[in-house]
Amino acid sequence: MENTSTQFTKAPAARIRKPVVISSVLLILLALTAGAYAKPLTITITQGIEAALPIAVVPFRVSGAVPPSEDLAQIVSNDLVRTGQFKAFPVKDMLSKPTDPATIKYQNWRILGVESLVIGQVENTGPDNYTISFWLQDVFQAKQMVAYKIPATSKTLRAAAHKISDIVYEQLTGVKGAFSTRIAYVTAEGDFREKRYSLWIADSDGENAQEILRSKEPIMSPSWSPDGKRIAYASLEQGGAQKVYIQNWQTTEREQVKTPLSGLHGAPSWSPKGDKLAFTITKNGNADIYTLHLKTQKMRKLTTHWAIDTEPVWTPDGGSIIFTSDRGGRPQLYRVAADGGKPRRLTFEGRENLKAAVSPDGKMIAMVHDSGNGNGYQIATMELDSGAMQILTEGRLDESPSFAPNGSMIIYATTGRRGELAAVSVDGKIKQSLSYQEDVREPAWSPFNN
């Protein structure tokens, strides 16, 4: 059996009491509808693929004086089913529940139509220490695909389960799993007279939500650093002058990003190396794109135009920045070299295209798209090489797309009876609903190394 010594830790909860206002130049009216209570996101598959892979995750055997507080097998099963690519065999219909490869009767599982089998054991090995052993078996070939041992504590049991899901998912699909990542999102509660906005960080399944910012004003556009430890945002705390801040979400430590320029600073975006920020500075009603090297404090102005240039996002190679501009009359997406140059228009199809997100491999962008046919704003993707565009969603007010770090899904905000989150696969075949009891907005998916 392979061994892994990685310890998976859960970050402590954090709360900021100071009022915080975060805004961007475009889509500010959309953010005013944000809001939710601090409860776990409820994730529901609304559309999956017909050829979902049949898999059985057998309840893990538990041994030792202190049983685990989490049902690891159920967490793994939920993770896999939530992707829309797997169909889990019901535990109640299992003829047997093996916890060791030697006891598996493959013929029985073949009759049930199960193709893959996950079995495991959880042993309490000491005060607040557990060892999790699991196996992934190919039922039709009657052979082991992978086996691991993972150490855990009571606080890291869920993280260990997500790690198992990551391993199983990658083995069966060839795509790196993203269950161990996190999601940032904005909620609000109260009526229009006294709204309270919060920025939250939760596990990819919506659990372990932690409030890291609280404000009486809207919070917008959280941006993850590449190491997954920090969030950049804009605030009006300094006497009404909007500035950019960087906060360590685990410790609540933060600092203001200082520049020699006056004006409103907003819509921050991290470079792939984490050494620079791109953001918008608005002065006298004119917004342009700038970059700042965080150590040297060297600034570079990338756009100079009377139009509004905003919502910058870096390409994964760090060589370019894609941004929204209405220099052509209506918002469209443009690309400019990170060291400066003439911007080049990227989008031409539809009435408007804005709020870009770049896929982790740099081959595709997601955006908010208005086709001009009266259907409102949907999430669409475009291949950068061919320019081929695909509309993925059907809402009338879909916004804020963010790619999963493995590039398989896009999370976004949508409006029905209230603000909600949703996710769609990049081919449009799988759809998820991520709901709260109240409104929720501004999702951002973390990188892998968080």
Foldseek 3Di string as FASTA:
>chain_A
DDEDADEFFDFDFAEDDDAWAFDWDPPRVVLVQFAFDPDFWAKDWPFADPQAAEEEQFFEAEDDDDGAPDRLSVLLVCQSVSVSRHDYDDNVPDPDRDQDLVPDDLVVVVVVVHQKYKHWYWYDPDQQKIKIKMWIAGSVVSGTQDIYIDIYGSRCSSLVSLVVSQVVCCSVPVFGDQQNWKKKWKHWDDDPVFIKMWIWIAGPNRPPIHTLYIHSYGFAAWEAAQLRQKTKGWGCPPVRAIFIKIARSRVSDIDTQDAPDGAHWGQWYAALVRQKIWTWGADPREIFIKMAGRPVRDMDTADDDRWHWGNWYAQNVRQKIWIWTCPVPETFIWIATPRYDDIGTQDDAADHWHNWEAALVRQKIWTWGHRPPPQATFIKMAGRVPRDIDTQDRARDKHQWEAAQSRQKIKTWGDDVGIWIKMAGNVNRIIMTTDHPHGMHHMYIHHRND
